[in-house]
C-alpha cells in the first residue's frame, strides 16, 4: 500500500501520550494502526445495522429466534459451511440441522 503524506491537528496532550507509547518516530504507524482498527469497527457496525432483521419474516433458517440460532450455529460448525450459509432460498438445502 502506498503512503500519502497528510497534515492533521491533534491536541498537544494527546500527541505527548502517543509519543510516550510509540515514540516520535513511530507516530505515523501508531496513528495509522489505530485509525485502521476504528475504520474496521465502523464498517462492521454499518454492516450490522444494514442487515439487522434480515431473517425477519423468513422461515428458511427457522420460525423462531431460537430455531434460527440453532440452525446458524450448526451451519457455522459444519464442514460444508459455505454451501449451507449461501444456499439461495427456501427449497435449497439451506438448513437441515
N, C-alpha and C. Protein backbone atom coordinates (compact mmCIF):
# COMPACT_ATOMS: atom_id res chain seq x y z
N UNK A 1 0.85 -1.17 0.00
CA UNK A 1 0.00 0.00 0.00
C UNK A 1 0.89 1.23 0.00
N UNK A 2 0.57 2.16 -0.88
CA UNK A 2 1.40 3.37 -0.93
C UNK A 2 0.99 4.32 0.18
N UNK A 3 1.93 5.12 0.59
CA UNK A 3 1.69 6.08 1.66
C UNK A 3 1.47 7.47 1.07
N UNK A 4 0.62 8.24 1.73
CA UNK A 4 0.34 9.61 1.33
C UNK A 4 0.57 10.49 2.53
N UNK A 5 1.26 11.56 2.32
CA UNK A 5 1.52 12.48 3.41
C UNK A 5 0.30 13.37 3.62
N UNK A 6 -0.04 13.57 4.89
CA UNK A 6 -1.17 14.43 5.22
C UNK A 6 -0.83 15.24 6.46
N UNK A 7 -1.65 16.20 6.74
CA UNK A 7 -1.43 17.06 7.90
C UNK A 7 -2.67 16.96 8.78
N UNK A 8 -2.48 16.61 10.04
CA UNK A 8 -3.59 16.56 10.98
C UNK A 8 -3.24 17.41 12.19
N UNK A 9 -4.25 17.85 12.88
CA UNK A 9 -4.07 18.65 14.08
C UNK A 9 -4.58 17.85 15.27
N UNK A 10 -3.71 17.69 16.26
CA UNK A 10 -4.06 16.94 17.47
C UNK A 10 -3.79 17.81 18.70
N UNK A 11 -4.54 17.59 19.75
CA UNK A 11 -4.23 18.29 21.00
C UNK A 11 -2.81 17.92 21.47
N UNK A 12 -2.14 18.88 22.02
CA UNK A 12 -0.75 18.69 22.46
C UNK A 12 -0.62 17.55 23.47
N UNK A 13 -1.59 17.45 24.39
CA UNK A 13 -1.54 16.39 25.41
C UNK A 13 -1.67 15.00 24.76
N UNK A 14 -2.54 14.90 23.75
CA UNK A 14 -2.73 13.62 23.06
C UNK A 14 -1.46 13.23 22.31
N UNK A 15 -0.83 14.18 21.65
CA UNK A 15 0.41 13.90 20.94
C UNK A 15 1.50 13.43 21.91
N UNK A 16 1.55 14.01 23.09
CA UNK A 16 2.53 13.59 24.10
C UNK A 16 2.25 12.14 24.52
N UNK A 17 0.98 11.79 24.67
CA UNK A 17 0.63 10.42 25.03
C UNK A 17 1.00 9.44 23.92
N UNK A 18 0.77 9.83 22.66
CA UNK A 18 1.15 8.99 21.53
C UNK A 18 2.65 8.79 21.50
N UNK A 19 3.39 9.87 21.68
CA UNK A 19 4.86 9.78 21.69
C UNK A 19 5.36 8.89 22.82
N UNK A 20 4.69 8.94 23.97
CA UNK A 20 5.11 8.10 25.10
C UNK A 20 4.93 6.62 24.77
N UNK A 21 3.95 6.30 23.96
CA UNK A 21 3.70 4.91 23.59
C UNK A 21 4.52 4.51 22.36
N UNK A 22 4.45 5.32 21.30
CA UNK A 22 5.04 4.94 20.02
C UNK A 22 6.40 5.56 19.76
N UNK A 23 6.74 6.58 20.48
CA UNK A 23 7.97 7.31 20.21
C UNK A 23 7.74 8.27 19.06
N UNK A 24 8.50 9.35 19.00
CA UNK A 24 8.27 10.36 17.96
C UNK A 24 8.47 9.83 16.54
N UNK A 25 9.28 8.79 16.36
CA UNK A 25 9.49 8.21 15.02
C UNK A 25 8.43 7.17 14.69
N UNK A 26 7.57 6.85 15.66
CA UNK A 26 6.54 5.85 15.42
C UNK A 26 5.14 6.42 15.37
N UNK A 27 5.04 7.73 15.36
CA UNK A 27 3.73 8.38 15.37
C UNK A 27 2.84 7.92 14.21
N UNK A 28 3.34 8.04 13.01
CA UNK A 28 2.52 7.75 11.84
C UNK A 28 2.00 6.32 11.85
N UNK A 29 2.85 5.37 12.15
CA UNK A 29 2.43 3.97 12.18
C UNK A 29 1.39 3.75 13.28
N UNK A 30 1.64 4.33 14.44
CA UNK A 30 0.70 4.17 15.55
C UNK A 30 -0.67 4.75 15.18
N UNK A 31 -0.68 5.96 14.66
CA UNK A 31 -1.94 6.60 14.30
C UNK A 31 -2.63 5.82 13.19
N UNK A 32 -1.88 5.36 12.20
CA UNK A 32 -2.46 4.58 11.10
C UNK A 32 -3.07 3.28 11.63
N UNK A 33 -2.39 2.61 12.56
CA UNK A 33 -2.92 1.36 13.14
C UNK A 33 -4.23 1.61 13.90
N UNK A 34 -4.25 2.68 14.69
CA UNK A 34 -5.45 2.99 15.47
C UNK A 34 -6.61 3.37 14.56
N UNK A 35 -6.34 4.18 13.55
CA UNK A 35 -7.40 4.60 12.63
C UNK A 35 -7.89 3.40 11.81
N UNK A 36 -6.99 2.52 11.38
CA UNK A 36 -7.38 1.32 10.65
C UNK A 36 -8.32 0.47 11.48
N UNK A 37 -7.98 0.26 12.74
CA UNK A 37 -8.82 -0.53 13.64
C UNK A 37 -10.20 0.12 13.80
N UNK A 38 -10.24 1.43 13.95
CA UNK A 38 -11.52 2.13 14.12
C UNK A 38 -12.35 2.08 12.84
N UNK A 39 -11.73 2.23 11.69
CA UNK A 39 -12.46 2.16 10.42
C UNK A 39 -13.09 0.77 10.26
N UNK A 40 -12.35 -0.28 10.61
CA UNK A 40 -12.91 -1.63 10.54
C UNK A 40 -14.12 -1.77 11.46
N UNK A 41 -14.02 -1.24 12.66
CA UNK A 41 -15.14 -1.30 13.61
C UNK A 41 -16.34 -0.52 13.07
N UNK A 42 -16.09 0.67 12.52
CA UNK A 42 -17.18 1.48 11.98
C UNK A 42 -17.85 0.78 10.79
N UNK A 43 -17.05 0.16 9.92
CA UNK A 43 -17.61 -0.57 8.79
C UNK A 43 -18.41 -1.78 9.26
N UNK A 44 -17.91 -2.50 10.26
CA UNK A 44 -18.64 -3.64 10.79
C UNK A 44 -19.98 -3.19 11.39
N UNK A 45 -19.97 -2.10 12.13
CA UNK A 45 -21.20 -1.58 12.72
C UNK A 45 -22.19 -1.20 11.62
N UNK A 46 -21.71 -0.59 10.55
CA UNK A 46 -22.58 -0.21 9.44
C UNK A 46 -23.22 -1.45 8.81
N UNK A 47 -22.43 -2.50 8.59
CA UNK A 47 -22.97 -3.74 8.01
C UNK A 47 -23.99 -4.37 8.94
N UNK A 48 -23.69 -4.40 10.23
CA UNK A 48 -24.63 -4.97 11.20
C UNK A 48 -25.93 -4.17 11.21
N UNK A 49 -25.82 -2.85 11.20
CA UNK A 49 -27.02 -2.01 11.19
C UNK A 49 -27.83 -2.22 9.91
N UNK A 50 -27.15 -2.35 8.76
CA UNK A 50 -27.84 -2.51 7.48
C UNK A 50 -28.50 -3.88 7.34
N UNK A 51 -27.96 -4.89 8.00
CA UNK A 51 -28.51 -6.24 7.84
C UNK A 51 -29.34 -6.70 9.03
N UNK A 52 -29.48 -5.86 10.03
CA UNK A 52 -30.29 -6.23 11.19
C UNK A 52 -31.70 -6.56 10.76
N UNK A 53 -32.20 -7.69 11.22
CA UNK A 53 -33.56 -8.10 10.89
C UNK A 53 -33.70 -8.76 9.55
N UNK A 54 -32.60 -9.09 8.89
CA UNK A 54 -32.65 -9.69 7.55
C UNK A 54 -33.41 -11.01 7.54
N UNK A 55 -33.43 -11.71 8.65
CA UNK A 55 -34.12 -13.00 8.69
C UNK A 55 -35.58 -12.88 9.13
N UNK A 56 -36.00 -11.68 9.52
CA UNK A 56 -37.40 -11.49 9.93
C UNK A 56 -38.33 -11.82 8.78
N UNK A 57 -39.36 -12.61 9.07
CA UNK A 57 -40.33 -12.96 8.05
C UNK A 57 -39.90 -14.08 7.13
N UNK A 58 -38.74 -14.65 7.37
CA UNK A 58 -38.25 -15.76 6.54
C UNK A 58 -38.22 -17.01 7.40
N UNK A 59 -38.53 -18.13 6.78
CA UNK A 59 -38.54 -19.37 7.55
C UNK A 59 -37.43 -20.33 7.14
N UNK A 60 -36.60 -19.95 6.20
CA UNK A 60 -35.56 -20.86 5.71
C UNK A 60 -34.63 -21.32 6.82
N UNK A 61 -34.38 -20.47 7.82
CA UNK A 61 -33.46 -20.82 8.89
C UNK A 61 -34.19 -21.16 10.18
N UNK A 62 -35.50 -21.12 10.18
CA UNK A 62 -36.29 -21.46 11.35
C UNK A 62 -37.39 -20.45 11.57
N UNK A 63 -38.38 -20.84 12.31
CA UNK A 63 -39.54 -19.97 12.54
C UNK A 63 -39.36 -19.06 13.75
N UNK A 64 -38.48 -19.44 14.68
CA UNK A 64 -38.26 -18.63 15.88
C UNK A 64 -36.80 -18.23 15.98
N UNK A 65 -36.53 -17.26 16.82
CA UNK A 65 -35.14 -16.84 17.04
C UNK A 65 -34.29 -18.02 17.51
N UNK A 66 -34.85 -18.84 18.38
CA UNK A 66 -34.11 -19.98 18.92
C UNK A 66 -33.79 -20.99 17.81
N UNK A 67 -34.75 -21.28 16.94
CA UNK A 67 -34.50 -22.21 15.83
C UNK A 67 -33.44 -21.65 14.89
N UNK A 68 -33.53 -20.36 14.57
CA UNK A 68 -32.53 -19.73 13.70
C UNK A 68 -31.15 -19.81 14.33
N UNK A 69 -31.07 -19.56 15.62
CA UNK A 69 -29.80 -19.62 16.33
C UNK A 69 -29.20 -21.02 16.25
N UNK A 70 -30.00 -22.03 16.53
CA UNK A 70 -29.52 -23.42 16.48
C UNK A 70 -29.05 -23.77 15.07
N UNK A 71 -29.86 -23.41 14.06
CA UNK A 71 -29.52 -23.76 12.68
C UNK A 71 -28.28 -23.02 12.18
N UNK A 72 -28.17 -21.74 12.52
CA UNK A 72 -26.99 -20.99 12.09
C UNK A 72 -25.73 -21.50 12.78
N UNK A 73 -25.83 -21.83 14.06
CA UNK A 73 -24.66 -22.38 14.77
C UNK A 73 -24.24 -23.71 14.16
N UNK A 74 -25.21 -24.55 13.83
CA UNK A 74 -24.90 -25.84 13.21
C UNK A 74 -24.23 -25.63 11.85
N UNK A 75 -24.73 -24.69 11.08
CA UNK A 75 -24.14 -24.42 9.77
C UNK A 75 -22.72 -23.88 9.91
N UNK A 76 -22.51 -23.00 10.86
CA UNK A 76 -21.18 -22.42 11.06
C UNK A 76 -20.17 -23.48 11.49
N UNK A 77 -20.63 -24.48 12.21
CA UNK A 77 -19.74 -25.52 12.72
C UNK A 77 -19.53 -26.67 11.73
N UNK A 78 -20.27 -26.67 10.63
CA UNK A 78 -20.22 -27.82 9.73
C UNK A 78 -19.10 -27.68 8.70
N UNK A 79 -18.72 -28.82 8.11
CA UNK A 79 -17.65 -28.83 7.11
C UNK A 79 -18.13 -28.20 5.81
N UNK A 80 -19.42 -28.22 5.52
CA UNK A 80 -19.95 -27.62 4.30
C UNK A 80 -20.58 -26.25 4.60
N UNK A 81 -19.93 -25.55 5.49
CA UNK A 81 -20.43 -24.27 5.99
C UNK A 81 -20.81 -23.31 4.87
N UNK A 82 -19.93 -23.08 3.92
CA UNK A 82 -20.21 -22.10 2.87
C UNK A 82 -21.43 -22.49 2.06
N UNK A 83 -21.56 -23.78 1.72
CA UNK A 83 -22.72 -24.22 0.95
C UNK A 83 -24.00 -23.98 1.73
N UNK A 84 -23.98 -24.23 3.01
CA UNK A 84 -25.19 -24.09 3.82
C UNK A 84 -25.54 -22.62 4.06
N UNK A 85 -24.54 -21.80 4.33
CA UNK A 85 -24.81 -20.39 4.62
C UNK A 85 -25.22 -19.61 3.38
N UNK A 86 -24.74 -20.02 2.21
CA UNK A 86 -25.01 -19.26 0.99
C UNK A 86 -26.04 -19.91 0.09
N UNK A 87 -26.76 -20.91 0.59
CA UNK A 87 -27.83 -21.50 -0.21
C UNK A 87 -28.84 -20.41 -0.53
N UNK A 88 -29.43 -20.49 -1.69
CA UNK A 88 -30.25 -19.38 -2.19
C UNK A 88 -31.45 -19.05 -1.34
N UNK A 89 -32.45 -19.87 -1.31
CA UNK A 89 -33.68 -19.55 -0.57
C UNK A 89 -34.32 -20.85 -0.13
N UNK A 90 -35.53 -20.76 0.35
CA UNK A 90 -36.26 -21.94 0.77
C UNK A 90 -36.34 -22.93 -0.39
N UNK A 91 -36.28 -24.20 -0.07
CA UNK A 91 -36.28 -25.22 -1.10
C UNK A 91 -34.87 -25.71 -1.38
N UNK A 92 -33.86 -24.85 -1.16
CA UNK A 92 -32.48 -25.30 -1.26
C UNK A 92 -32.14 -26.03 0.01
N UNK A 93 -31.00 -26.64 0.07
CA UNK A 93 -30.58 -27.35 1.29
C UNK A 93 -29.98 -26.36 2.28
N UNK A 94 -30.65 -25.24 2.48
CA UNK A 94 -30.12 -24.19 3.35
C UNK A 94 -30.00 -24.62 4.79
N UNK A 95 -30.96 -25.40 5.27
CA UNK A 95 -30.93 -25.79 6.67
C UNK A 95 -31.51 -27.19 6.79
N UNK A 96 -30.72 -28.06 7.32
CA UNK A 96 -31.25 -29.39 7.66
C UNK A 96 -30.45 -29.90 8.84
N UNK A 97 -30.45 -29.10 9.88
CA UNK A 97 -29.64 -29.44 11.06
C UNK A 97 -30.36 -30.38 11.97
